[in-house]
Amino acid sequence: MSPDFAIGFGRQAIELALSLALPMLGVGLAVGVIVSVVQAATQIQEMTLTFIPKVVSMFIALLLALPWLMERMLTFTREVFTNIPLYIR
């Protein structure tokens, strides 16, 4: 296994991990900004007010994105297992 291959394989795995985390992180960011704007408008500065909506919305985003996430993970895993003989050369 050459260093170029190992770097490329690691890069592909990191890109996959980031793309899998993106839907939940994006929803958490959007909900956090909306809650922050509401807090600034109403001058309510309660920490639990930001935490609960973000957790619930990220969970809902996870449930909605789960089929796509599983398909991406299964495709990557299938490619890794299929190409093991090529990797050990």
PDB file of N, CA and C in Angstrom:
ATOM      1  N   MET A   1       0.856  -1.166   0.000  1.00  0.00           N
ATOM      2  CA  MET A   1       0.000   0.000   0.000  1.00  0.00           C
ATOM      3  C   MET A   1       0.904   1.231   0.000  1.00  0.00           C
ATOM      4  N   SER A   2       0.728   2.044  -0.993  1.00  0.00           N
ATOM      5  CA  SER A   2       1.575   3.235  -1.122  1.00  0.00           C
ATOM      6  C   SER A   2       1.050   4.358  -0.226  1.00  0.00           C
ATOM      7  N   PRO A   3       1.917   5.303   0.106  1.00  0.00           N
ATOM      8  CA  PRO A   3       1.467   6.450   0.910  1.00  0.00           C
ATOM      9  C   PRO A   3       0.389   7.269   0.212  1.00  0.00           C
ATOM     10  N   ASP A   4       0.480   7.373  -1.115  1.00  0.00           N
ATOM     11  CA  ASP A   4      -0.547   8.110  -1.858  1.00  0.00           C
ATOM     12  C   ASP A   4      -1.915   7.446  -1.735  1.00  0.00           C
ATOM     13  N   PHE A   5      -1.914   6.110  -1.791  1.00  0.00           N
ATOM     14  CA  PHE A   5      -3.170   5.389  -1.651  1.00  0.00           C
ATOM     15  C   PHE A   5      -3.751   5.580  -0.255  1.00  0.00           C
ATOM     16  N   ALA A   6      -2.901   5.488   0.773  1.00  0.00           N
ATOM     17  CA  ALA A   6      -3.372   5.641   2.149  1.00  0.00           C
ATOM     18  C   ALA A   6      -3.935   7.043   2.385  1.00  0.00           C
ATOM     19  N   ILE A   7      -3.286   8.047   1.834  1.00  0.00           N
ATOM     20  CA  ILE A   7      -3.785   9.416   1.976  1.00  0.00           C
ATOM     21  C   ILE A   7      -5.106   9.580   1.244  1.00  0.00           C
ATOM     22  N   GLY A   8      -5.201   9.030   0.048  1.00  0.00           N
ATOM     23  CA  GLY A   8      -6.444   9.109  -0.715  1.00  0.00           C
ATOM     24  C   GLY A   8      -7.588   8.381  -0.033  1.00  0.00           C
ATOM     25  N   PHE A   9      -7.292   7.215   0.534  1.00  0.00           N
ATOM     26  CA  PHE A   9      -8.310   6.444   1.242  1.00  0.00           C
ATOM     27  C   PHE A   9      -8.782   7.186   2.487  1.00  0.00           C
ATOM     28  N   GLY A  10      -7.849   7.750   3.228  1.00  0.00           N
ATOM     29  CA  GLY A  10      -8.200   8.531   4.414  1.00  0.00           C
ATOM     30  C   GLY A  10      -9.010   9.764   4.052  1.00  0.00           C
ATOM     31  N   ARG A  11      -8.626  10.411   2.973  1.00  0.00           N
ATOM     32  CA  ARG A  11      -9.362  11.595   2.513  1.00  0.00           C
ATOM     33  C   ARG A  11     -10.794  11.236   2.138  1.00  0.00           C
ATOM     34  N   GLN A  12     -10.961  10.123   1.447  1.00  0.00           N
ATOM     35  CA  GLN A  12     -12.297   9.681   1.058  1.00  0.00           C
ATOM     36  C   GLN A  12     -13.151   9.377   2.298  1.00  0.00           C
ATOM     37  N   ALA A  13     -12.550   8.755   3.312  1.00  0.00           N
ATOM     38  CA  ALA A  13     -13.288   8.438   4.536  1.00  0.00           C
ATOM     39  C   ALA A  13     -13.676   9.708   5.288  1.00  0.00           C
ATOM     40  N   ILE A  14     -12.789  10.693   5.343  1.00  0.00           N
ATOM     41  CA  ILE A  14     -13.097  11.955   6.020  1.00  0.00           C
ATOM     42  C   ILE A  14     -14.183  12.712   5.268  1.00  0.00           C
ATOM     43  N   GLU A  15     -14.117  12.735   3.944  1.00  0.00           N
ATOM     44  CA  GLU A  15     -15.154  13.399   3.153  1.00  0.00           C
ATOM     45  C   GLU A  15     -16.511  12.742   3.379  1.00  0.00           C
ATOM     46  N   LEU A  16     -16.531  11.414   3.461  1.00  0.00           N
ATOM     47  CA  LEU A  16     -17.785  10.716   3.725  1.00  0.00           C
ATOM     48  C   LEU A  16     -18.319  11.071   5.108  1.00  0.00           C
ATOM     49  N   ALA A  17     -17.459  11.090   6.102  1.00  0.00           N
ATOM     50  CA  ALA A  17     -17.896  11.422   7.461  1.00  0.00           C
ATOM     51  C   ALA A  17     -18.452  12.840   7.526  1.00  0.00           C
ATOM     52  N   LEU A  18     -17.809  13.765   6.849  1.00  0.00           N
ATOM     53  CA  LEU A  18     -18.300  15.145   6.846  1.00  0.00           C
ATOM     54  C   LEU A  18     -19.632  15.261   6.109  1.00  0.00           C
ATOM     55  N   SER A  19     -19.768  14.558   5.001  1.00  0.00           N
ATOM     56  CA  SER A  19     -21.033  14.633   4.259  1.00  0.00           C
ATOM     57  C   SER A  19     -22.170  13.961   5.027  1.00  0.00           C
ATOM     58  N   LEU A  20     -21.855  12.961   5.847  1.00  0.00           N
ATOM     59  CA  LEU A  20     -22.879  12.318   6.660  1.00  0.00           C
ATOM     60  C   LEU A  20     -23.305  13.202   7.830  1.00  0.00           C
ATOM     61  N   ALA A  21     -22.400  13.999   8.342  1.00  0.00           N
ATOM     62  CA  ALA A  21     -22.722  14.876   9.470  1.00  0.00           C
ATOM     63  C   ALA A  21     -23.396  16.163   9.026  1.00  0.00           C
ATOM     64  N   LEU A  22     -23.260  16.515   7.764  1.00  0.00           N
ATOM     65  CA  LEU A  22     -23.749  17.799   7.268  1.00  0.00           C
ATOM     66  C   LEU A  22     -25.245  18.045   7.482  1.00  0.00           C
ATOM     67  N   PRO A  23     -26.142  17.102   7.220  1.00  0.00           N
ATOM     68  CA  PRO A  23     -27.568  17.411   7.413  1.00  0.00           C
ATOM     69  C   PRO A  23     -27.915  17.777   8.862  1.00  0.00           C
ATOM     70  N   MET A  24     -27.390  17.018   9.812  1.00  0.00           N
ATOM     71  CA  MET A  24     -27.700  17.315  11.212  1.00  0.00           C
ATOM     72  C   MET A  24     -27.059  18.614  11.667  1.00  0.00           C
ATOM     73  N   LEU A  25     -25.825  18.849  11.257  1.00  0.00           N
ATOM     74  CA  LEU A  25     -25.151  20.086  11.660  1.00  0.00           C
ATOM     75  C   LEU A  25     -25.809  21.308  11.039  1.00  0.00           C
ATOM     76  N   GLY A  26     -26.242  21.184   9.787  1.00  0.00           N
ATOM     77  CA  GLY A  26     -26.921  22.303   9.124  1.00  0.00           C
ATOM     78  C   GLY A  26     -28.241  22.645   9.791  1.00  0.00           C
ATOM     79  N   VAL A  27     -29.009  21.623  10.138  1.00  0.00           N
ATOM     80  CA  VAL A  27     -30.279  21.857  10.822  1.00  0.00           C
ATOM     81  C   VAL A  27     -30.035  22.453  12.205  1.00  0.00           C
ATOM     82  N   GLY A  28     -29.033  21.942  12.908  1.00  0.00           N
ATOM     83  CA  GLY A  28     -28.704  22.497  14.224  1.00  0.00           C
ATOM     84  C   GLY A  28     -28.284  23.947  14.146  1.00  0.00           C
ATOM     85  N   LEU A  29     -27.518  24.288  13.121  1.00  0.00           N
ATOM     86  CA  LEU A  29     -27.099  25.676  12.933  1.00  0.00           C
ATOM     87  C   LEU A  29     -28.291  26.569  12.641  1.00  0.00           C
ATOM     88  N   ALA A  30     -29.155  26.136  11.734  1.00  0.00           N
ATOM     89  CA  ALA A  30     -30.324  26.946  11.372  1.00  0.00           C
ATOM     90  C   ALA A  30     -31.249  27.159  12.569  1.00  0.00           C
ATOM     91  N   VAL A  31     -31.519  26.100  13.303  1.00  0.00           N
ATOM     92  CA  VAL A  31     -32.395  26.227  14.472  1.00  0.00           C
ATOM     93  C   VAL A  31     -31.731  27.085  15.543  1.00  0.00           C
ATOM     94  N   GLY A  32     -30.434  26.955  15.716  1.00  0.00           N
ATOM     95  CA  GLY A  32     -29.726  27.783  16.690  1.00  0.00           C
ATOM     96  C   GLY A  32     -29.802  29.266  16.361  1.00  0.00           C
ATOM     97  N   VAL A  33     -29.660  29.599  15.079  1.00  0.00           N
ATOM     98  CA  VAL A  33     -29.755  31.003  14.666  1.00  0.00           C
ATOM     99  C   VAL A  33     -31.176  31.531  14.876  1.00  0.00           C
ATOM    100  N   ILE A  34     -32.162  30.731  14.515  1.00  0.00           N
ATOM    101  CA  ILE A  34     -33.560  31.166  14.689  1.00  0.00           C
ATOM    102  C   ILE A  34     -33.876  31.376  16.163  1.00  0.00           C
ATOM    103  N   VAL A  35     -33.464  30.441  17.008  1.00  0.00           N
ATOM    104  CA  VAL A  35     -33.724  30.578  18.442  1.00  0.00           C
ATOM    105  C   VAL A  35     -32.970  31.780  19.006  1.00  0.00           C
ATOM    106  N   SER A  36     -31.765  32.021  18.541  1.00  0.00           N
ATOM    107  CA  SER A  36     -31.001  33.176  19.007  1.00  0.00           C
ATOM    108  C   SER A  36     -31.676  34.489  18.622  1.00  0.00           C
ATOM    109  N   VAL A  37     -32.216  34.548  17.420  1.00  0.00           N
ATOM    110  CA  VAL A  37     -32.931  35.758  16.996  1.00  0.00           C
ATOM    111  C   VAL A  37     -34.176  35.972  17.854  1.00  0.00           C
ATOM    112  N   VAL A  38     -34.900  34.891  18.128  1.00  0.00           N
ATOM    113  CA  VAL A  38     -36.089  34.998  18.984  1.00  0.00           C
ATOM    114  C   VAL A  38     -35.688  35.427  20.393  1.00  0.00           C
ATOM    115  N   GLN A  39     -34.602  34.877  20.905  1.00  0.00           N
ATOM    116  CA  GLN A  39     -34.134  35.269  22.234  1.00  0.00           C
ATOM    117  C   GLN A  39     -33.723  36.738  22.270  1.00  0.00           C
ATOM    118  N   ALA A  40     -33.057  37.191  21.235  1.00  0.00           N
ATOM    119  CA  ALA A  40     -32.642  38.594  21.194  1.00  0.00           C
ATOM    120  C   ALA A  40     -33.853  39.514  21.090  1.00  0.00           C
ATOM    121  N   ALA A  41     -34.869  39.084  20.352  1.00  0.00           N
ATOM    122  CA  ALA A  41     -36.057  39.913  20.183  1.00  0.00           C
ATOM    123  C   ALA A  41     -36.888  39.986  21.461  1.00  0.00           C
ATOM    124  N   THR A  42     -36.942  38.870  22.182  1.00  0.00           N
ATOM    125  CA  THR A  42     -37.767  38.837  23.392  1.00  0.00           C
ATOM    126  C   THR A  42     -36.972  39.080  24.666  1.00  0.00           C
ATOM    127  N   GLN A  43     -35.672  39.152  24.566  1.00  0.00           N
ATOM    128  CA  GLN A  43     -34.745  39.342  25.690  1.00  0.00           C
ATOM    129  C   GLN A  43     -34.874  38.242  26.740  1.00  0.00           C
ATOM    130  N   ILE A  44     -35.181  37.041  26.291  1.00  0.00           N
ATOM    131  CA  ILE A  44     -35.193  35.875  27.175  1.00  0.00           C
ATOM    132  C   ILE A  44     -33.846  35.177  27.000  1.00  0.00           C
ATOM    133  N   GLN A  45     -33.057  35.095  28.037  1.00  0.00           N
ATOM    134  CA  GLN A  45     -31.722  34.504  27.956  1.00  0.00           C
ATOM    135  C   GLN A  45     -31.650  33.218  28.774  1.00  0.00           C
ATOM    136  N   GLU A  46     -32.411  32.242  28.383  1.00  0.00           N
ATOM    137  CA  GLU A  46     -32.427  30.952  29.068  1.00  0.00           C
ATOM    138  C   GLU A  46     -31.637  29.946  28.225  1.00  0.00           C
ATOM    139  N   MET A  47     -30.659  29.270  28.824  1.00  0.00           N
ATOM    140  CA  MET A  47     -29.789  28.348  28.080  1.00  0.00           C
ATOM    141  C   MET A  47     -30.543  27.101  27.607  1.00  0.00           C
ATOM    142  N   THR A  48     -31.492  26.629  28.396  1.00  0.00           N
ATOM    143  CA  THR A  48     -32.221  25.430  27.977  1.00  0.00           C
ATOM    144  C   THR A  48     -33.130  25.721  26.792  1.00  0.00           C
ATOM    145  N   LEU A  49     -33.466  26.971  26.592  1.00  0.00           N
ATOM    146  CA  LEU A  49     -34.311  27.337  25.456  1.00  0.00           C
ATOM    147  C   LEU A  49     -33.594  27.089  24.129  1.00  0.00           C
ATOM    148  N   THR A  50     -32.275  27.161  24.100  1.00  0.00           N
ATOM    149  CA  THR A  50     -31.529  26.879  22.876  1.00  0.00           C
ATOM    150  C   THR A  50     -31.232  25.394  22.721  1.00  0.00           C
ATOM    151  N   PHE A  51     -31.069  24.699  23.838  1.00  0.00           N
ATOM    152  CA  PHE A  51     -30.639  23.305  23.785  1.00  0.00           C
ATOM    153  C   PHE A  51     -31.739  22.365  23.291  1.00  0.00           C
ATOM    154  N   ILE A  52     -32.913  22.454  23.862  1.00  0.00           N
ATOM    155  CA  ILE A  52     -33.990  21.511  23.548  1.00  0.00           C
ATOM    156  C   ILE A  52     -34.425  21.584  22.081  1.00  0.00           C
ATOM    157  N   PRO A  53     -34.686  22.777  21.504  1.00  0.00           N
ATOM    158  CA  PRO A  53     -35.086  22.801  20.087  1.00  0.00           C
ATOM    159  C   PRO A  53     -34.007  22.252  19.144  1.00  0.00           C
ATOM    160  N   LYS A  54     -32.733  22.510  19.471  1.00  0.00           N
ATOM    161  CA  LYS A  54     -31.666  21.998  18.615  1.00  0.00           C
ATOM    162  C   LYS A  54     -31.594  20.476  18.669  1.00  0.00           C
ATOM    163  N   VAL A  55     -31.706  19.911  19.847  1.00  0.00           N
ATOM    164  CA  VAL A  55     -31.640  18.453  19.977  1.00  0.00           C
ATOM    165  C   VAL A  55     -32.809  17.797  19.257  1.00  0.00           C
ATOM    166  N   VAL A  56     -33.995  18.332  19.454  1.00  0.00           N
ATOM    167  CA  VAL A  56     -35.190  17.753  18.813  1.00  0.00           C
ATOM    168  C   VAL A  56     -35.097  17.878  17.290  1.00  0.00           C
ATOM    169  N   SER A  57     -34.695  19.044  16.805  1.00  0.00           N
ATOM    170  CA  SER A  57     -34.616  19.235  15.354  1.00  0.00           C
ATOM    171  C   SER A  57     -33.518  18.379  14.727  1.00  0.00           C
ATOM    172  N   MET A  58     -32.397  18.206  15.425  1.00  0.00           N
ATOM    173  CA  MET A  58     -31.340  17.358  14.893  1.00  0.00           C
ATOM    174  C   MET A  58     -31.772  15.892  14.878  1.00  0.00           C
ATOM    175  N   PHE A  59     -32.546  15.473  15.864  1.00  0.00           N
ATOM    176  CA  PHE A  59     -33.062  14.107  15.881  1.00  0.00           C
ATOM    177  C   PHE A  59     -34.031  13.880  14.723  1.00  0.00           C
ATOM    178  N   ILE A  60     -34.895  14.853  14.471  1.00  0.00           N
ATOM    179  CA  ILE A  60     -35.833  14.745  13.353  1.00  0.00           C
ATOM    180  C   ILE A  60     -35.074  14.719  12.020  1.00  0.00           C
ATOM    181  N   ALA A  61     -34.034  15.553  11.907  1.00  0.00           N
ATOM    182  CA  ALA A  61     -33.219  15.549  10.693  1.00  0.00           C
ATOM    183  C   ALA A  61     -32.524  14.206  10.506  1.00  0.00           C
ATOM    184  N   LEU A  62     -32.074  13.610  11.599  1.00  0.00           N
ATOM    185  CA  LEU A  62     -31.448  12.292  11.525  1.00  0.00           C
ATOM    186  C   LEU A  62     -32.447  11.245  11.040  1.00  0.00           C
ATOM    187  N   LEU A  63     -33.655  11.292  11.565  1.00  0.00           N
ATOM    188  CA  LEU A  63     -34.670  10.334  11.122  1.00  0.00           C
ATOM    189  C   LEU A  63     -35.016  10.508   9.645  1.00  0.00           C
ATOM    190  N   LEU A  64     -35.093  11.754   9.196  1.00  0.00           N
ATOM    191  CA  LEU A  64     -35.432  11.993   7.791  1.00  0.00           C
ATOM    192  C   LEU A  64     -34.284  11.635   6.846  1.00  0.00           C
ATOM    193  N   ALA A  65     -33.051  11.859   7.290  1.00  0.00           N
ATOM    194  CA  ALA A  65     -31.890  11.607   6.431  1.00  0.00           C
ATOM    195  C   ALA A  65     -31.344  10.192   6.570  1.00  0.00           C
ATOM    196  N   LEU A  66     -31.895   9.399   7.472  1.00  0.00           N
ATOM    197  CA  LEU A  66     -31.350   8.069   7.739  1.00  0.00           C
ATOM    198  C   LEU A  66     -31.281   7.159   6.514  1.00  0.00           C
ATOM    199  N   PRO A  67     -32.292   7.105   5.653  1.00  0.00           N
ATOM    200  CA  PRO A  67     -32.149   6.227   4.470  1.00  0.00           C
ATOM    201  C   PRO A  67     -30.970   6.643   3.578  1.00  0.00           C
ATOM    202  N   TRP A  68     -30.803   7.930   3.366  1.00  0.00           N
ATOM    203  CA  TRP A  68     -29.687   8.416   2.550  1.00  0.00           C
ATOM    204  C   TRP A  68     -28.355   8.130   3.234  1.00  0.00           C
ATOM    205  N   LEU A  69     -28.289   8.346   4.553  1.00  0.00           N
ATOM    206  CA  LEU A  69     -27.063   8.093   5.297  1.00  0.00           C
ATOM    207  C   LEU A  69     -26.675   6.620   5.229  1.00  0.00           C
ATOM    208  N   MET A  70     -27.651   5.749   5.426  1.00  0.00           N
ATOM    209  CA  MET A  70     -27.366   4.311   5.387  1.00  0.00           C
ATOM    210  C   MET A  70     -26.926   3.873   3.996  1.00  0.00           C
ATOM    211  N   GLU A  71     -27.540   4.431   2.967  1.00  0.00           N
ATOM    212  CA  GLU A  71     -27.154   4.078   1.597  1.00  0.00           C
ATOM    213  C   GLU A  71     -25.711   4.479   1.333  1.00  0.00           C
ATOM    214  N   ARG A  72     -25.330   5.678   1.765  1.00  0.00           N
ATOM    215  CA  ARG A  72     -23.942   6.143   1.562  1.00  0.00           C
ATOM    216  C   ARG A  72     -22.951   5.279   2.340  1.00  0.00           C
ATOM    217  N   MET A  73     -23.290   4.943   3.595  1.00  0.00           N
ATOM    218  CA  MET A  73     -22.386   4.120   4.406  1.00  0.00           C
ATOM    219  C   MET A  73     -22.262   2.711   3.841  1.00  0.00           C
ATOM    220  N   LEU A  74     -23.370   2.138   3.400  1.00  0.00           N
ATOM    221  CA  LEU A  74     -23.324   0.790   2.835  1.00  0.00           C
ATOM    222  C   LEU A  74     -22.544   0.757   1.529  1.00  0.00           C
ATOM    223  N   THR A  75     -22.699   1.786   0.711  1.00  0.00           N
ATOM    224  CA  THR A  75     -21.944   1.849  -0.540  1.00  0.00           C
ATOM    225  C   THR A  75     -20.445   1.927  -0.269  1.00  0.00           C
ATOM    226  N   PHE A  76     -20.050   2.762   0.661  1.00  0.00           N
ATOM    227  CA  PHE A  76     -18.633   2.903   0.996  1.00  0.00           C
ATOM    228  C   PHE A  76     -18.085   1.593   1.558  1.00  0.00           C
ATOM    229  N   THR A  77     -18.825   0.973   2.475  1.00  0.00           N
ATOM    230  CA  THR A  77     -18.370  -0.276   3.082  1.00  0.00           C
ATOM    231  C   THR A  77     -18.288  -1.385   2.046  1.00  0.00           C
ATOM    232  N   ARG A  78     -19.270  -1.444   1.163  1.00  0.00           N
ATOM    233  CA  ARG A  78     -19.267  -2.458   0.106  1.00  0.00           C
ATOM    234  C   ARG A  78     -18.051  -2.278  -0.805  1.00  0.00           C
ATOM    235  N   GLU A  79     -17.732  -1.039  -1.159  1.00  0.00           N
ATOM    236  CA  GLU A  79     -16.561  -0.782  -1.997  1.00  0.00           C
ATOM    237  C   GLU A  79     -15.277  -1.167  -1.290  1.00  0.00           C
ATOM    238  N   VAL A  80     -15.176  -0.887  -0.006  1.00  0.00           N
ATOM    239  CA  VAL A  80     -13.972  -1.248   0.748  1.00  0.00           C
ATOM    240  C   VAL A  80     -13.799  -2.759   0.774  1.00  0.00           C
ATOM    241  N   PHE A  81     -14.875  -3.492   1.124  1.00  0.00           N
ATOM    242  CA  PHE A  81     -14.764  -4.945   1.195  1.00  0.00           C
ATOM    243  C   PHE A  81     -14.521  -5.579  -0.167  1.00  0.00           C
ATOM    244  N   THR A  82     -15.106  -5.027  -1.208  1.00  0.00           N
ATOM    245  CA  THR A  82     -14.899  -5.555  -2.546  1.00  0.00           C
ATOM    246  C   THR A  82     -13.458  -5.369  -3.007  1.00  0.00           C
ATOM    247  N   ASN A  83     -12.861  -4.266  -2.644  1.00  0.00           N
ATOM    248  CA  ASN A  83     -11.508  -3.937  -3.125  1.00  0.00           C
ATOM    249  C   ASN A  83     -10.400  -4.328  -2.164  1.00  0.00           C
ATOM    250  N   ILE A  84     -10.683  -5.124  -1.136  1.00  0.00           N
ATOM    251  CA  ILE A  84      -9.629  -5.546  -0.205  1.00  0.00           C
ATOM    252  C   ILE A  84      -8.477  -6.242  -0.919  1.00  0.00           C
ATOM    253  N   PRO A  85      -8.732  -7.133  -1.877  1.00  0.00           N
ATOM    254  CA  PRO A  85      -7.586  -7.753  -2.571  1.00  0.00           C
ATOM    255  C   PRO A  85      -6.701  -6.728  -3.290  1.00  0.00           C
ATOM    256  N   LEU A  86      -7.299  -5.649  -3.787  1.00  0.00           N
ATOM    257  CA  LEU A  86      -6.486  -4.632  -4.448  1.00  0.00           C
ATOM    258  C   LEU A  86      -5.697  -3.798  -3.424  1.00  0.00           C
ATOM    259  N   TYR A  87      -6.246  -3.661  -2.216  1.00  0.00           N
ATOM    260  CA  TYR A  87      -5.594  -2.840  -1.201  1.00  0.00           C
ATOM    261  C   TYR A  87      -4.349  -3.495  -0.623  1.00  0.00           C
ATOM    262  N   ILE A  88      -4.333  -4.811  -0.538  1.00  0.00           N
ATOM    263  CA  ILE A  88      -3.211  -5.491   0.125  1.00  0.00           C
ATOM    264  C   ILE A  88      -2.037  -5.751  -0.824  1.00  0.00           C
ATOM    265  N   ARG A  89      -2.157  -5.396  -2.074  1.00  0.00           N
ATOM    266  CA  ARG A  89      -1.044  -5.609  -3.013  1.00  0.00           C
ATOM    267  C   ARG A  89       0.058  -4.631  -2.777  1.00  0.00           C
TER     268      ARG A  89
END
